[in-house]
N, C-alpha and C. Protein backbone atom coordinates (compact mmCIF):
# COMPACT_ATOMS: atom_id res chain seq x y z
N MET A 1 4.37 21.40 34.06
CA MET A 1 4.21 21.53 32.62
C MET A 1 2.73 21.79 32.32
N GLY A 2 2.46 22.88 31.61
CA GLY A 2 1.09 23.28 31.33
C GLY A 2 0.48 22.47 30.20
N ALA A 3 -0.82 22.55 30.11
CA ALA A 3 -1.54 21.80 29.09
C ALA A 3 -1.23 22.31 27.69
N GLU A 4 -0.86 23.59 27.57
CA GLU A 4 -0.58 24.14 26.24
C GLU A 4 0.79 23.72 25.72
N SER A 5 1.67 23.25 26.59
CA SER A 5 3.00 22.85 26.14
C SER A 5 3.06 21.39 25.69
N ILE A 6 2.02 20.61 25.95
CA ILE A 6 2.01 19.20 25.57
C ILE A 6 2.01 19.03 24.05
N PRO A 7 1.16 19.74 23.28
CA PRO A 7 1.23 19.58 21.82
C PRO A 7 2.58 20.02 21.24
N ILE A 8 3.17 21.05 21.81
CA ILE A 8 4.48 21.50 21.33
C ILE A 8 5.53 20.44 21.58
N ALA A 9 5.51 19.86 22.78
CA ALA A 9 6.48 18.81 23.11
C ALA A 9 6.28 17.59 22.22
N LEU A 10 5.03 17.21 21.96
CA LEU A 10 4.77 16.07 21.07
C LEU A 10 5.23 16.35 19.65
N SER A 11 5.06 17.58 19.18
CA SER A 11 5.53 17.94 17.84
C SER A 11 7.05 17.86 17.74
N VAL A 12 7.73 18.36 18.75
CA VAL A 12 9.20 18.30 18.76
C VAL A 12 9.67 16.86 18.77
N LEU A 13 9.05 16.03 19.59
CA LEU A 13 9.44 14.62 19.65
C LEU A 13 9.12 13.90 18.33
N ALA A 14 8.03 14.24 17.68
CA ALA A 14 7.68 13.62 16.40
C ALA A 14 8.71 13.98 15.33
N ILE A 15 9.12 15.24 15.31
CA ILE A 15 10.14 15.66 14.33
C ILE A 15 11.46 14.97 14.61
N ALA A 16 11.81 14.84 15.89
CA ALA A 16 13.05 14.14 16.24
C ALA A 16 12.98 12.67 15.82
N GLN A 17 11.83 12.05 15.99
CA GLN A 17 11.68 10.66 15.59
C GLN A 17 11.79 10.50 14.07
N MET A 18 11.25 11.45 13.31
CA MET A 18 11.41 11.41 11.86
C MET A 18 12.87 11.50 11.47
N GLY A 19 13.61 12.37 12.15
CA GLY A 19 15.04 12.48 11.88
C GLY A 19 15.79 11.19 12.18
N VAL A 20 15.46 10.55 13.29
CA VAL A 20 16.10 9.27 13.63
C VAL A 20 15.79 8.22 12.57
N HIS A 21 14.55 8.15 12.11
CA HIS A 21 14.19 7.18 11.08
C HIS A 21 14.94 7.46 9.78
N LEU A 22 15.05 8.72 9.40
CA LEU A 22 15.74 9.04 8.17
C LEU A 22 17.21 8.65 8.23
N VAL A 23 17.85 8.87 9.35
CA VAL A 23 19.29 8.60 9.45
C VAL A 23 19.57 7.12 9.68
N PHE A 24 18.90 6.50 10.64
CA PHE A 24 19.26 5.15 11.03
C PHE A 24 18.57 4.05 10.23
N PHE A 25 17.36 4.29 9.73
CA PHE A 25 16.67 3.25 8.99
C PHE A 25 16.75 3.44 7.49
N LEU A 26 16.67 4.68 7.01
CA LEU A 26 16.76 4.95 5.58
C LEU A 26 18.16 5.34 5.14
N HIS A 27 19.08 5.46 6.09
CA HIS A 27 20.49 5.76 5.83
C HIS A 27 20.67 7.03 4.99
N MET A 28 19.93 8.07 5.36
CA MET A 28 20.05 9.37 4.70
C MET A 28 21.18 10.13 5.39
N THR A 29 22.25 10.34 4.67
CA THR A 29 23.38 11.10 5.21
C THR A 29 23.64 12.29 4.32
N SER A 30 24.65 13.05 4.66
CA SER A 30 24.96 14.26 3.89
C SER A 30 26.01 13.98 2.80
N GLY A 31 26.29 12.74 2.52
CA GLY A 31 27.29 12.39 1.51
C GLY A 31 26.81 12.72 0.11
N PRO A 32 27.74 12.84 -0.84
CA PRO A 32 27.36 13.19 -2.22
C PRO A 32 26.60 12.07 -2.93
N ASP A 33 26.73 10.84 -2.46
CA ASP A 33 26.02 9.73 -3.10
C ASP A 33 24.57 9.65 -2.68
N ASN A 34 24.12 10.48 -1.79
CA ASN A 34 22.74 10.47 -1.33
C ASN A 34 21.89 11.54 -1.97
N LEU A 35 22.37 12.18 -3.00
CA LEU A 35 21.61 13.27 -3.63
C LEU A 35 20.30 12.76 -4.22
N ASN A 36 20.32 11.59 -4.85
CA ASN A 36 19.09 11.04 -5.43
C ASN A 36 18.07 10.72 -4.34
N ASN A 37 18.52 10.16 -3.23
CA ASN A 37 17.60 9.87 -2.12
C ASN A 37 17.00 11.14 -1.56
N LEU A 38 17.82 12.17 -1.43
CA LEU A 38 17.34 13.44 -0.91
C LEU A 38 16.34 14.09 -1.85
N MET A 39 16.60 14.02 -3.14
CA MET A 39 15.67 14.59 -4.11
C MET A 39 14.35 13.82 -4.12
N ALA A 40 14.41 12.49 -3.99
CA ALA A 40 13.19 11.69 -3.94
C ALA A 40 12.39 12.02 -2.68
N LEU A 41 13.07 12.21 -1.56
CA LEU A 41 12.39 12.59 -0.32
C LEU A 41 11.74 13.97 -0.46
N ALA A 42 12.46 14.91 -1.03
CA ALA A 42 11.91 16.26 -1.22
C ALA A 42 10.70 16.23 -2.15
N PHE A 43 10.77 15.45 -3.21
CA PHE A 43 9.63 15.34 -4.13
C PHE A 43 8.43 14.71 -3.43
N GLY A 44 8.67 13.67 -2.64
CA GLY A 44 7.58 13.03 -1.90
C GLY A 44 6.93 13.99 -0.92
N LEU A 45 7.75 14.79 -0.22
CA LEU A 45 7.20 15.78 0.70
C LEU A 45 6.40 16.84 -0.04
N LEU A 46 6.87 17.25 -1.22
CA LEU A 46 6.13 18.22 -2.02
C LEU A 46 4.77 17.68 -2.41
N ILE A 47 4.71 16.43 -2.85
CA ILE A 47 3.44 15.83 -3.24
C ILE A 47 2.49 15.73 -2.06
N VAL A 48 3.00 15.31 -0.91
CA VAL A 48 2.16 15.19 0.29
C VAL A 48 1.63 16.56 0.70
N MET A 49 2.49 17.58 0.69
CA MET A 49 2.04 18.93 1.06
C MET A 49 0.99 19.45 0.08
N LEU A 50 1.18 19.19 -1.22
CA LEU A 50 0.19 19.62 -2.20
C LEU A 50 -1.15 18.94 -1.94
N LEU A 51 -1.13 17.65 -1.64
CA LEU A 51 -2.38 16.94 -1.37
C LEU A 51 -3.07 17.45 -0.11
N VAL A 52 -2.32 17.64 0.96
CA VAL A 52 -2.92 18.07 2.22
C VAL A 52 -3.45 19.49 2.12
N PHE A 53 -2.59 20.43 1.68
CA PHE A 53 -3.04 21.82 1.63
C PHE A 53 -4.06 22.06 0.53
N GLY A 54 -3.96 21.33 -0.58
CA GLY A 54 -4.97 21.45 -1.63
C GLY A 54 -6.32 20.96 -1.15
N SER A 55 -6.33 19.85 -0.42
CA SER A 55 -7.58 19.33 0.12
C SER A 55 -8.19 20.29 1.13
N LEU A 56 -7.35 20.85 2.01
CA LEU A 56 -7.85 21.82 2.99
C LEU A 56 -8.40 23.06 2.30
N TRP A 57 -7.73 23.51 1.24
CA TRP A 57 -8.18 24.69 0.51
C TRP A 57 -9.53 24.42 -0.16
N ILE A 58 -9.66 23.26 -0.78
CA ILE A 58 -10.92 22.91 -1.43
C ILE A 58 -12.05 22.79 -0.41
N MET A 59 -11.79 22.13 0.72
CA MET A 59 -12.84 21.98 1.73
C MET A 59 -13.24 23.32 2.33
N ALA A 60 -12.27 24.22 2.55
CA ALA A 60 -12.60 25.54 3.09
C ALA A 60 -13.41 26.34 2.08
N ASN A 61 -13.07 26.22 0.80
CA ASN A 61 -13.82 26.93 -0.24
C ASN A 61 -15.24 26.39 -0.35
N LEU A 62 -15.40 25.07 -0.30
CA LEU A 62 -16.73 24.49 -0.34
C LEU A 62 -17.56 24.90 0.87
N ASN A 63 -16.93 24.91 2.04
CA ASN A 63 -17.63 25.30 3.26
C ASN A 63 -18.08 26.76 3.18
N HIS A 64 -17.24 27.60 2.60
CA HIS A 64 -17.57 29.03 2.50
C HIS A 64 -18.71 29.26 1.50
N ASN A 65 -18.73 28.50 0.41
CA ASN A 65 -19.70 28.74 -0.66
C ASN A 65 -20.97 27.91 -0.52
N MET A 66 -21.06 27.04 0.47
CA MET A 66 -22.22 26.17 0.60
C MET A 66 -23.38 26.90 1.28
N MET A 67 -24.56 26.54 0.86
CA MET A 67 -25.77 27.11 1.42
C MET A 67 -25.95 26.61 2.86
N PRO A 68 -26.48 27.45 3.76
CA PRO A 68 -26.73 26.99 5.13
C PRO A 68 -27.71 25.81 5.16
N MET A 69 -27.56 24.95 6.14
CA MET A 69 -28.35 23.73 6.24
C MET A 69 -29.84 24.02 6.37
N GLU A 70 -30.21 25.11 7.03
CA GLU A 70 -31.63 25.44 7.18
C GLU A 70 -32.28 25.66 5.82
N GLN A 71 -31.58 26.34 4.93
CA GLN A 71 -32.14 26.59 3.59
C GLN A 71 -32.22 25.30 2.79
N ILE A 72 -31.28 24.42 2.95
CA ILE A 72 -31.32 23.14 2.23
C ILE A 72 -32.51 22.33 2.71
N MET A 73 -32.75 22.32 4.02
CA MET A 73 -33.87 21.58 4.56
C MET A 73 -35.22 22.16 4.10
N LYS A 74 -35.30 23.48 3.99
CA LYS A 74 -36.53 24.11 3.51
C LYS A 74 -36.80 23.78 2.06
N MET A 75 -35.74 23.65 1.25
CA MET A 75 -35.90 23.31 -0.16
C MET A 75 -36.39 21.88 -0.36
N GLN A 76 -36.09 21.00 0.57
CA GLN A 76 -36.49 19.61 0.43
C GLN A 76 -37.93 19.36 0.81
N ARG A 77 -38.57 20.29 1.48
CA ARG A 77 -39.97 20.13 1.90
C ARG A 77 -40.92 20.46 0.80
């Protein structure tokens, strides 16, 4: 097994573990009475994705628009 396949294997196992937790601990099934739980889970995932990708977008934009460190150091002298 190569070194490049280890992160892929860990990602697959992490997704499988999330599925096990959803089914066995949170009792998320495909029944019609679980629609509210599914909608709450989807909304929570949406909020988390907005926070993560929004933060990455803001940090990338700040990094792109920031002055190089050498110029900042010259301004402080």
